C-alpha atoms as a PDB file:
ATOM      1  CA  MET A   1       0.125   0.094   0.023  1.00  0.00           C
ATOM      2  CA  ILE A   2       2.705   2.439   1.032  1.00  0.00           C
ATOM      3  CA  GLY A   3       4.758   1.425  -2.004  1.00  0.00           C
ATOM      4  CA  SER A   4       1.894   2.121  -4.201  1.00  0.00           C
ATOM      5  CA  SER A   5       1.418   5.602  -2.746  1.00  0.00           C
ATOM      6  CA  VAL A   6       5.094   6.479  -3.214  1.00  0.00           C
ATOM      7  CA  PHE A   7       4.792   5.478  -6.760  1.00  0.00           C
ATOM      8  CA  VAL A   8       1.868   7.543  -7.542  1.00  0.00           C
ATOM      9  CA  LEU A   9       3.360  10.714  -5.597  1.00  0.00           C
ATOM     10  CA  ALA A  10       6.493  10.232  -7.706  1.00  0.00           C
ATOM     11  CA  ALA A  11       4.541  10.095 -10.906  1.00  0.00           C
ATOM     12  CA  LEU A  12       2.554  13.260 -10.076  1.00  0.00           C
ATOM     13  CA  THR A  13       5.688  15.137  -9.222  1.00  0.00           C
ATOM     14  CA  MET A  14       7.303  14.126 -12.574  1.00  0.00           C
ATOM     15  CA  THR A  15       4.054  15.098 -14.401  1.00  0.00           C
ATOM     16  CA  GLY A  16       4.119  18.594 -12.534  1.00  0.00           C
ATOM     17  CA  LEU A  17       7.691  19.194 -13.507  1.00  0.00           C
ATOM     18  CA  TYR A  18       7.087  18.220 -17.114  1.00  0.00           C
ATOM     19  CA  MET A  19       3.986  20.618 -17.335  1.00  0.00           C
ATOM     20  CA  ARG A  20       6.069  23.427 -15.801  1.00  0.00           C
ATOM     21  CA  GLN A  21       8.739  22.994 -18.070  1.00  0.00           C
ATOM     22  CA  GLU A  22       6.221  22.946 -21.146  1.00  0.00           C
ATOM     23  CA  ASP A  23       4.533  26.127 -19.945  1.00  0.00           C
ATOM     24  CA  SER A  24       8.025  27.815 -19.752  1.00  0.00           C
ATOM     25  CA  HIS A  25       8.669  26.972 -23.246  1.00  0.00           C
ATOM     26  CA  SER A  26       5.252  27.849 -24.466  1.00  0.00           C
ATOM     27  CA  GLN A  27       5.564  31.759 -23.482  1.00  0.00           C
ATOM     28  CA  ASP A  28       4.676  34.321 -26.310  1.00  0.00           C
ATOM     29  CA  ASP A  29       8.145  36.181 -25.907  1.00  0.00           C
ATOM     30  CA  GLY A  30      10.095  33.014 -26.369  1.00  0.00           C
ATOM     31  CA  TYR A  31      11.969  33.726 -22.934  1.00  0.00           C
ATOM     32  CA  VAL A  32      12.124  31.293 -19.807  1.00  0.00           C
ATOM     33  CA  VAL A  33      11.805  33.121 -16.428  1.00  0.00           C
ATOM     34  CA  ASP A  34      13.581  31.251 -13.631  1.00  0.00           C
ATOM     35  CA  PHE A  35      12.267  32.998 -10.383  1.00  0.00           C
ATOM     36  CA  THR A  36      14.455  30.848  -8.080  1.00  0.00           C
ATOM     37  CA  ALA A  37      17.637  31.959  -9.823  1.00  0.00           C
ATOM     38  CA  LEU A  38      16.488  35.568  -9.806  1.00  0.00           C
ATOM     39  CA  GLU A  39      15.992  35.498  -5.971  1.00  0.00           C
ATOM     40  CA  ASP A  40      19.347  33.934  -5.537  1.00  0.00           C
ATOM     41  CA  SER A  41      20.997  36.543  -7.720  1.00  0.00           C
ATOM     42  CA  THR A  42      19.260  39.383  -5.900  1.00  0.00           C
ATOM     43  CA  ASP A  43      20.494  38.146  -2.512  1.00  0.00           C
ATOM     44  CA  GLU A  44      24.081  37.886  -3.726  1.00  0.00           C
ATOM     45  CA  LYS A  45      23.875  41.392  -5.218  1.00  0.00           C
ATOM     46  CA  LEU A  46      22.744  42.807  -1.768  1.00  0.00           C
ATOM     47  CA  ASP A  47      25.592  40.965   0.013  1.00  0.00           C
ATOM     48  CA  GLU A  48      28.169  42.422  -2.432  1.00  0.00           C
ATOM     49  CA  LEU A  49      26.723  45.964  -2.137  1.00  0.00           C
ATOM     50  CA  ALA A  50      26.948  45.686   1.683  1.00  0.00           C
ATOM     51  CA  GLN A  51      30.555  44.518   1.448  1.00  0.00           C
ATOM     52  CA  ASN A  52      31.584  47.264  -0.877  1.00  0.00           C
ATOM     53  CA  THR A  53      30.035  50.121   1.033  1.00  0.00           C
ATOM     54  CA  ALA A  54      31.332  48.989   4.496  1.00  0.00           C
ATOM     55  CA  PRO A  55      34.296  51.027   5.569  1.00  0.00           C
ATOM     56  CA  LYS A  56      37.741  49.660   5.603  1.00  0.00           C
ATOM     57  CA  SER A  57      37.756  49.374   9.433  1.00  0.00           C
ATOM     58  CA  SER A  58      34.883  46.776   9.187  1.00  0.00           C
ATOM     59  CA  TRP A  59      36.828  44.923   6.383  1.00  0.00           C
ATOM     60  CA  ASN A  60      39.640  44.578   8.767  1.00  0.00           C
ATOM     61  CA  SER A  61      37.552  43.500  11.675  1.00  0.00           C
ATOM     62  CA  GLY A  62      35.748  41.008   9.815  1.00  0.00           C
ATOM     63  CA  ASP A  63      32.258  42.657  10.230  1.00  0.00           C
ATOM     64  CA  ALA A  64      31.873  43.609   6.606  1.00  0.00           C
ATOM     65  CA  GLY A  65      28.506  41.702   6.387  1.00  0.00           C
ATOM     66  CA  SER A  66      27.218  43.081   9.650  1.00  0.00           C
ATOM     67  CA  GLY A  67      24.469  45.381   9.382  1.00  0.00           C
ATOM     68  CA  LYS A  68      25.320  47.040  12.723  1.00  0.00           C
ATOM     69  CA  ALA A  69      28.720  48.066  11.592  1.00  0.00           C
ATOM     70  CA  LEU A  70      27.326  49.671   8.269  1.00  0.00           C
ATOM     71  CA  GLU A  71      24.760  51.550  10.162  1.00  0.00           C
ATOM     72  CA  ASP A  72      27.249  53.014  12.728  1.00  0.00           C
ATOM     73  CA  ASP A  73      29.820  54.268  10.034  1.00  0.00           C
ATOM     74  CA  LEU A  74      27.190  55.973   7.924  1.00  0.00           C
ATOM     75  CA  ASP A  75      26.988  59.808   8.009  1.00  0.00           C
ATOM     76  CA  TYR A  76      23.151  59.632   7.968  1.00  0.00           C
ATOM     77  CA  MET A  77      20.444  57.157   8.551  1.00  0.00           C
ATOM     78  CA  PRO A  78      19.461  55.175   5.358  1.00  0.00           C
ATOM     79  CA  TYR A  79      16.024  56.224   4.071  1.00  0.00           C
ATOM     80  CA  ASP A  80      13.117  54.153   5.706  1.00  0.00           C
ATOM     81  CA  GLU A  81       9.529  54.439   4.709  1.00  0.00           C
ATOM     82  CA  GLU A  82       8.572  53.976   8.381  1.00  0.00           C
ATOM     83  CA  LEU A  83      10.453  57.139   9.544  1.00  0.00           C
ATOM     84  CA  ASP A  84       8.563  60.255  10.471  1.00  0.00           C
ATOM     85  CA  LEU A  85       9.593  62.778   7.646  1.00  0.00           C
ATOM     86  CA  GLY A  86       8.415  65.677   9.680  1.00  0.00           C
ATOM     87  CA  THR A  87      10.693  64.920  12.649  1.00  0.00           C
ATOM     88  CA  THR A  88      13.640  62.628  11.560  1.00  0.00           C
ATOM     89  CA  LEU A  89      14.591  63.820   8.099  1.00  0.00           C
ATOM     90  CA  VAL A  90      13.035  67.042   7.261  1.00  0.00           C
ATOM     91  CA  GLY A  91      15.061  70.059   8.423  1.00  0.00           C
ATOM     92  CA  SER A  92      17.703  67.862  10.176  1.00  0.00           C
ATOM     93  CA  GLY A  93      20.305  69.324   7.847  1.00  0.00           C
ATOM     94  CA  GLN A  94      21.350  65.961   6.776  1.00  0.00           C
ATOM     95  CA  VAL A  95      18.774  65.183   4.024  1.00  0.00           C
ATOM     96  CA  GLU A  96      17.253  67.546   1.671  1.00  0.00           C
ATOM     97  CA  ILE A  97      13.868  66.571   0.073  1.00  0.00           C
ATOM     98  CA  PRO A  98      12.829  68.840  -2.846  1.00  0.00           C
ATOM     99  CA  GLY A  99       9.401  70.615  -2.063  1.00  0.00           C
ATOM    100  CA  VAL A 100       9.722  69.613   1.537  1.00  0.00           C
ATOM    101  CA  THR A 101      13.012  70.917   2.987  1.00  0.00           C
ATOM    102  CA  GLU A 102      13.201  74.617   2.930  1.00  0.00           C
ATOM    103  CA  GLN A 103      16.392  75.825   1.167  1.00  0.00           C
ATOM    104  CA  LYS A 104      18.558  78.498   3.019  1.00  0.00           C
ATOM    105  CA  LYS A 105      18.582  81.845   1.286  1.00  0.00           C
ATOM    106  CA  GLU A 106      21.590  83.839   1.008  1.00  0.00           C
ATOM    107  CA  PRO A 107      21.034  87.156   3.099  1.00  0.00           C
ATOM    108  CA  GLU A 108      20.185  90.134   0.767  1.00  0.00           C
ATOM    109  CA  ALA A 109      23.047  92.608   0.614  1.00  0.00           C
ATOM    110  CA  GLU A 110      22.163  95.734   2.278  1.00  0.00           C
ATOM    111  CA  GLU A 111      22.331  98.904   0.339  1.00  0.00           C
ATOM    112  CA  PRO A 112      25.102 101.331   1.523  1.00  0.00           C
ATOM    113  CA  ALA A 113      23.996 104.073   3.703  1.00  0.00           C
ATOM    114  CA  GLU A 114      23.875 107.344   1.939  1.00  0.00           C
ATOM    115  CA  LYS A 115      26.885 109.295   2.563  1.00  0.00           C
ATOM    116  CA  ALA A 116      26.359 112.186   4.885  1.00  0.00           C
ATOM    117  CA  PRO A 117      27.407 115.618   3.152  1.00  0.00           C
ATOM    118  CA  ALA A 118      30.613 116.924   4.498  1.00  0.00           C
ATOM    119  CA  GLU A 119      30.677 119.943   6.668  1.00  0.00           C
ATOM    120  CA  ASP A 120      31.889 122.095   3.699  1.00  0.00           C
ATOM    121  CA  GLU A 121      28.841 121.158   1.689  1.00  0.00           C
ATOM    122  CA  MET A 122      26.580 121.880   4.617  1.00  0.00           C
ATOM    123  CA  GLY A 123      28.153 125.072   5.475  1.00  0.00           C
ATOM    124  CA  ALA A 124      28.577 123.956   9.027  1.00  0.00           C
ATOM    125  CA  GLY A 125      31.111 125.803  11.207  1.00  0.00           C
ATOM    126  CA  ALA A 126      33.259 124.376  13.852  1.00  0.00           C
ATOM    127  CA  GLY A 127      30.166 124.135  16.282  1.00  0.00           C
ATOM    128  CA  GLY A 128      28.360 122.049  13.686  1.00  0.00           C
ATOM    129  CA  GLU A 129      25.831 124.755  13.208  1.00  0.00           C
ATOM    130  CA  GLU A 130      24.930 125.750   9.564  1.00  0.00           C
ATOM    131  CA  GLN A 131      26.357 129.070   8.674  1.00  0.00           C
ATOM    132  CA  LEU A 132      24.027 130.988   6.331  1.00  0.00           C
ATOM    133  CA  PRO A 133      25.411 133.897   4.292  1.00  0.00           C
ATOM    134  CA  THR A 134      24.722 137.273   5.780  1.00  0.00           C
ATOM    135  CA  ILE A 135      22.257 139.315   3.611  1.00  0.00           C
ATOM    136  CA  VAL A 136      22.600 142.979   3.944  1.00  0.00           C
ATOM    137  CA  PRO A 137      19.538 144.998   2.865  1.00  0.00           C
ATOM    138  CA  GLU A 138      20.339 147.200  -0.063  1.00  0.00           C
ATOM    139  CA  ALA A 139      19.443 150.235   1.942  1.00  0.00           C
ATOM    140  CA  GLU A 140      22.366 149.501   4.430  1.00  0.00           C
ATOM    141  CA  VAL A 141      25.003 148.951   1.870  1.00  0.00           C
ATOM    142  CA  ALA A 142      26.922 152.176   1.514  1.00  0.00           C
ATOM    143  CA  ARG A 143      27.344 153.671  -1.970  1.00  0.00           C
ATOM    144  CA  GLU A 144      29.917 155.828  -3.229  1.00  0.00           C
ATOM    145  CA  LEU A 145      28.403 159.086  -4.298  1.00  0.00           C
ATOM    146  CA  HIS A 146      29.963 161.236  -6.968  1.00  0.00           C
ATOM    147  CA  PHE A 147      28.508 164.255  -8.670  1.00  0.00           C
ATOM    148  CA  ASP A 148      29.852 165.151 -11.997  1.00  0.00           C
ATOM    149  CA  GLY A 149      29.333 168.913 -12.661  1.00  0.00           C
ATOM    150  CA  GLU A 150      29.985 168.314 -16.290  1.00  0.00           C
ATOM    151  CA  ASN A 151      26.928 166.090 -16.618  1.00  0.00           C
ATOM    152  CA  GLY A 152      24.763 168.893 -14.998  1.00  0.00           C
ATOM    153  CA  LEU A 153      21.448 168.594 -13.280  1.00  0.00           C
ATOM    154  CA  VAL A 154      18.049 167.426 -14.282  1.00  0.00           C
ATOM    155  CA  ARG A 155      15.361 170.079 -13.896  1.00  0.00           C
ATOM    156  CA  PRO A 156      13.141 169.059 -10.996  1.00  0.00           C
ATOM    157  CA  VAL A 157       9.984 170.418 -12.583  1.00  0.00           C
ATOM    158  CA  ASN A 158       9.173 172.037 -15.996  1.00  0.00           C
ATOM    159  CA  GLY A 159       7.821 175.275 -14.651  1.00  0.00           C
ATOM    160  CA  GLU A 160       9.205 178.888 -15.160  1.00  0.00           C
ATOM    161  CA  VAL A 161      11.583 180.508 -12.843  1.00  0.00           C
ATOM    162  CA  LEU A 162       9.744 182.927 -10.479  1.00  0.00           C
ATOM    163  CA  LEU A 163      12.768 184.021  -8.441  1.00  0.00           C
ATOM    164  CA  HIS A 164      16.313 183.435  -9.692  1.00  0.00           C
ATOM    165  CA  TYR A 165      19.356 182.559  -7.593  1.00  0.00           C
ATOM    166  CA  SER A 166      20.900 185.885  -6.458  1.00  0.00           C
ATOM    167  CA  MET A 167      23.649 186.202  -3.711  1.00  0.00           C
ATOM    168  CA  ASP A 168      25.455 189.168  -5.312  1.00  0.00           C
ATOM    169  CA  SER A 169      22.264 191.465  -5.313  1.00  0.00           C
ATOM    170  CA  SER A 170      18.886 191.409  -3.899  1.00  0.00           C
ATOM    171  CA  VAL A 171      15.474 190.306  -5.597  1.00  0.00           C
ATOM    172  CA  TYR A 172      12.078 191.506  -4.805  1.00  0.00           C
ATOM    173  CA  PHE A 173       9.772 189.111  -2.778  1.00  0.00           C
ATOM    174  CA  LYS A 174       6.180 190.041  -3.527  1.00  0.00           C
ATOM    175  CA  THR A 175       4.724 188.445  -0.414  1.00  0.00           C
ATOM    176  CA  LEU A 176       7.384 189.985   1.828  1.00  0.00           C
ATOM    177  CA  ASP A 177       7.132 193.143  -0.112  1.00  0.00           C
ATOM    178  CA  GLN A 178      10.932 193.731   0.217  1.00  0.00           C
ATOM    179  CA  TYR A 179      14.235 193.061  -1.648  1.00  0.00           C
ATOM    180  CA  THR A 180      16.531 190.332  -0.409  1.00  0.00           C
ATOM    181  CA  ARG A 181      19.132 187.974  -1.433  1.00  0.00           C
ATOM    182  CA  ASN A 182      17.913 184.699  -2.703  1.00  0.00           C
ATOM    183  CA  PRO A 183      20.221 181.514  -2.196  1.00  0.00           C
ATOM    184  CA  ALA A 184      17.719 179.326  -4.238  1.00  0.00           C
ATOM    185  CA  VAL A 185      15.698 179.115  -7.480  1.00  0.00           C
ATOM    186  CA  VAL A 186      11.996 179.165  -6.972  1.00  0.00           C
ATOM    187  CA  PHE A 187      10.138 177.344  -9.905  1.00  0.00           C
ATOM    188  CA  GLN A 188       6.394 178.050 -10.762  1.00  0.00           C
ATOM    189  CA  ALA A 189       4.531 174.631 -10.450  1.00  0.00           C
ATOM    190  CA  ASP A 190       0.949 173.664  -9.848  1.00  0.00           C
ATOM    191  CA  GLU A 191       0.006 171.704  -6.745  1.00  0.00           C
ATOM    192  CA  GLY A 192       0.295 168.047  -7.300  1.00  0.00           C
ATOM    193  CA  THR A 193       3.000 168.247  -9.838  1.00  0.00           C
ATOM    194  CA  ASP A 194       5.673 165.539  -9.608  1.00  0.00           C
ATOM    195  CA  VAL A 195       9.020 166.565  -8.322  1.00  0.00           C
ATOM    196  CA  SER A 196      12.102 164.622  -9.726  1.00  0.00           C
ATOM    197  CA  ALA A 197      15.578 164.028  -8.347  1.00  0.00           C
ATOM    198  CA  CYS A 198      18.052 166.236 -10.074  1.00  0.00           C
ATOM    199  CA  ALA A 199      20.826 163.571  -9.779  1.00  0.00           C
ATOM    200  CA  ALA A 200      21.564 160.289  -8.180  1.00  0.00           C
ATOM    201  CA  GLY A 201      22.055 160.599  -4.400  1.00  0.00           C
ATOM    202  CA  GLN A 202      20.964 159.721  -0.933  1.00  0.00           C
ATOM    203  CA  VAL A 203      18.248 161.194   1.194  1.00  0.00           C
ATOM    204  CA  VAL A 204      20.002 162.567   4.285  1.00  0.00           C
ATOM    205  CA  SER A 205      17.185 164.748   5.823  1.00  0.00           C
ATOM    206  CA  VAL A 206      13.393 165.039   5.770  1.00  0.00           C
ATOM    207  CA  TYR A 207      12.099 167.848   7.905  1.00  0.00           C
ATOM    208  CA  GLU A 208       9.542 170.603   8.300  1.00  0.00           C
ATOM    209  CA  ASP A 209      10.577 174.399   7.918  1.00  0.00           C
ATOM    210  CA  SER A 210       8.292 177.313   8.634  1.00  0.00           C
ATOM    211  CA  LYS A 211       9.260 179.264   5.541  1.00  0.00           C
ATOM    212  CA  ILE A 212       9.697 176.560   2.751  1.00  0.00           C
ATOM    213  CA  GLY A 213       7.277 173.886   4.476  1.00  0.00           C
ATOM    214  CA  GLN A 214       8.060 170.175   4.220  1.00  0.00           C
ATOM    215  CA  ALA A 215      11.630 169.677   2.765  1.00  0.00           C
ATOM    216  CA  VAL A 216      13.934 167.038   1.597  1.00  0.00           C
ATOM    217  CA  THR A 217      17.712 167.140   1.446  1.00  0.00           C
ATOM    218  CA  LEU A 218      19.807 164.889  -1.042  1.00  0.00           C
ATOM    219  CA  ASP A 219      23.508 164.225  -0.758  1.00  0.00           C
ATOM    220  CA  LEU A 220      24.925 164.137  -4.406  1.00  0.00           C
ATOM    221  CA  GLY A 221      28.539 163.320  -3.367  1.00  0.00           C
ATOM    222  CA  ASP A 222      31.681 165.489  -3.648  1.00  0.00           C
ATOM    223  CA  GLY A 223      30.322 167.993  -1.082  1.00  0.00           C
ATOM    224  CA  TYR A 224      27.175 168.686  -3.107  1.00  0.00           C
ATOM    225  CA  GLN A 225      23.756 168.745  -1.582  1.00  0.00           C
ATOM    226  CA  VAL A 226      20.334 169.979  -2.810  1.00  0.00           C
ATOM    227  CA  THR A 227      17.282 171.079  -0.809  1.00  0.00           C
ATOM    228  CA  TYR A 228      13.567 170.697  -2.100  1.00  0.00           C
ATOM    229  CA  GLY A 229      10.933 172.769  -0.301  1.00  0.00           C
ATOM    230  CA  GLN A 230       7.147 173.224  -0.573  1.00  0.00           C
ATOM    231  CA  LEU A 231       6.612 169.487  -0.884  1.00  0.00           C
ATOM    232  CA  GLY A 232       3.753 167.180  -0.274  1.00  0.00           C
ATOM    233  CA  ASP A 233       3.051 163.405  -0.638  1.00  0.00           C
ATOM    234  CA  LEU A 234       6.609 162.192   0.014  1.00  0.00           C
ATOM    235  CA  GLN A 235       7.759 159.169  -1.931  1.00  0.00           C
ATOM    236  CA  VAL A 236      11.123 158.616  -0.093  1.00  0.00           C
ATOM    237  CA  ALA A 237      12.566 158.501   3.499  1.00  0.00           C
ATOM    238  CA  GLU A 238      15.934 159.087   5.141  1.00  0.00           C
ATOM    239  CA  GLY A 239      18.594 156.828   4.087  1.00  0.00           C
ATOM    240  CA  ASP A 240      16.969 156.063   0.777  1.00  0.00           C
ATOM    241  CA  TYR A 241      19.046 156.076  -2.492  1.00  0.00           C
ATOM    242  CA  VAL A 242      17.531 157.566  -5.428  1.00  0.00           C
ATOM    243  CA  GLU A 243      18.485 157.862  -9.164  1.00  0.00           C
ATOM    244  CA  ALA A 244      18.234 161.024 -11.447  1.00  0.00           C
ATOM    245  CA  GLY A 245      14.704 161.587 -12.615  1.00  0.00           C
ATOM    246  CA  GLN A 246      13.186 159.449  -9.765  1.00  0.00           C
ATOM    247  CA  THR A 247      10.053 161.090  -8.273  1.00  0.00           C
ATOM    248  CA  LEU A 248      10.595 162.411  -4.724  1.00  0.00           C
ATOM    249  CA  ALA A 249       7.296 164.079  -3.954  1.00  0.00           C
ATOM    250  CA  SER A 250       4.829 166.481  -5.367  1.00  0.00           C
ATOM    251  CA  VAL A 251       4.169 170.099  -5.183  1.00  0.00           C
ATOM    252  CA  SER A 252       2.057 171.335  -2.251  1.00  0.00           C
ATOM    253  CA  ALA A 253       0.302 174.437  -1.326  1.00  0.00           C
ATOM    254  CA  PRO A 254       2.754 177.393  -0.587  1.00  0.00           C
ATOM    255  CA  THR A 255       3.574 178.587   2.985  1.00  0.00           C
ATOM    256  CA  LYS A 256       2.481 182.048   4.058  1.00  0.00           C
ATOM    257  CA  TYR A 257       5.857 183.372   2.991  1.00  0.00           C
ATOM    258  CA  TYR A 258       4.837 182.617  -0.577  1.00  0.00           C
ATOM    259  CA  VAL A 259       1.251 183.266  -0.971  1.00  0.00           C
ATOM    260  CA  GLU A 260       1.645 185.980  -3.288  1.00  0.00           C
ATOM    261  CA  GLU A 261       4.160 183.966  -5.460  1.00  0.00           C
ATOM    262  CA  GLY A 262       1.604 181.230  -5.665  1.00  0.00           C
ATOM    263  CA  SER A 263       2.366 177.336  -5.610  1.00  0.00           C
ATOM    264  CA  ASN A 264       6.003 176.690  -6.317  1.00  0.00           C
ATOM    265  CA  LEU A 265       8.964 174.457  -5.843  1.00  0.00           C
ATOM    266  CA  TYR A 266      11.918 175.754  -3.551  1.00  0.00           C
ATOM    267  CA  PHE A 267      15.205 174.450  -4.978  1.00  0.00           C
ATOM    268  CA  ARG A 268      18.604 175.086  -3.350  1.00  0.00           C
ATOM    269  CA  LEU A 269      21.951 173.738  -4.257  1.00  0.00           C
ATOM    270  CA  THR A 270      25.083 173.986  -1.965  1.00  0.00           C
ATOM    271  CA  LYS A 271      28.711 173.000  -2.169  1.00  0.00           C
ATOM    272  CA  ASP A 272      30.580 172.239   1.070  1.00  0.00           C
ATOM    273  CA  GLY A 273      27.706 174.155   2.696  1.00  0.00           C
ATOM    274  CA  ASN A 274      27.834 177.213   0.627  1.00  0.00           C
ATOM    275  CA  ALA A 275      25.038 178.047  -1.895  1.00  0.00           C
ATOM    276  CA  VAL A 276      25.886 177.863  -5.467  1.00  0.00           C
ATOM    277  CA  ASN A 277      23.847 178.861  -8.560  1.00  0.00           C
ATOM    278  CA  PRO A 278      22.017 175.765  -9.952  1.00  0.00           C
ATOM    279  CA  GLU A 279      20.806 177.419 -12.947  1.00  0.00           C
ATOM    280  CA  GLU A 280      24.380 177.050 -14.434  1.00  0.00           C
ATOM    281  CA  LEU A 281      24.092 173.288 -14.283  1.00  0.00           C
ATOM    282  CA  PHE A 282      20.673 172.666 -15.715  1.00  0.00           C
END
């Protein structure tokens, strides 16, 4: 009975091997796949890889095939699917995974700070305070006055002469009803007529006089001065500089000393304090 069973088992085994061989030869691509040989080859390759990657110290100690020695000598742990990527590998500085591990960025270069202007550019003095240029008002800037007698004088008004300059002989004053010397020229002019500067100069005096009313004195330079009387509506003040032909004031009503003569302009020219004849310079 036992012998019959063994015979039957052997026959089935031989039949299975034969069928397996026939199936292998009947594949469409014409190749035979030996799975047993493939497994053996894979194991051999793994052993060879482990031996090649093991450090020399392990080779010398005979532990080339030991997994423990290979693990200790590696710079980082081999990748394991069971490891937690969020805690073990990511951000550890040992393994970089694209899309997961953040790459370190180079710090952006800072722009150089703007250079502070030098003290010379800022106009700063020794104390660090900004020094501003001193601006002197035009009225405070002294001008050199010069009167050129050859250029003459500009007539202050266009009226006729009522009383001529006369220091060598006397002239008749109708209001006073007497003859007396006259150190000035008296021009006939209607009230409100503009009075012009006879030359360039500086206003040195503005005052009120009982005989000639409101008066203005100009310094022309080189010792020459001219005084205007019977004025109103003044356009200048003491210290002002004026140019020839510039309006100084207007003609006002005459004082009581000139009532009979009518509205007029009193005009007197002096040189070093002495009266001179202005008519010779018009």
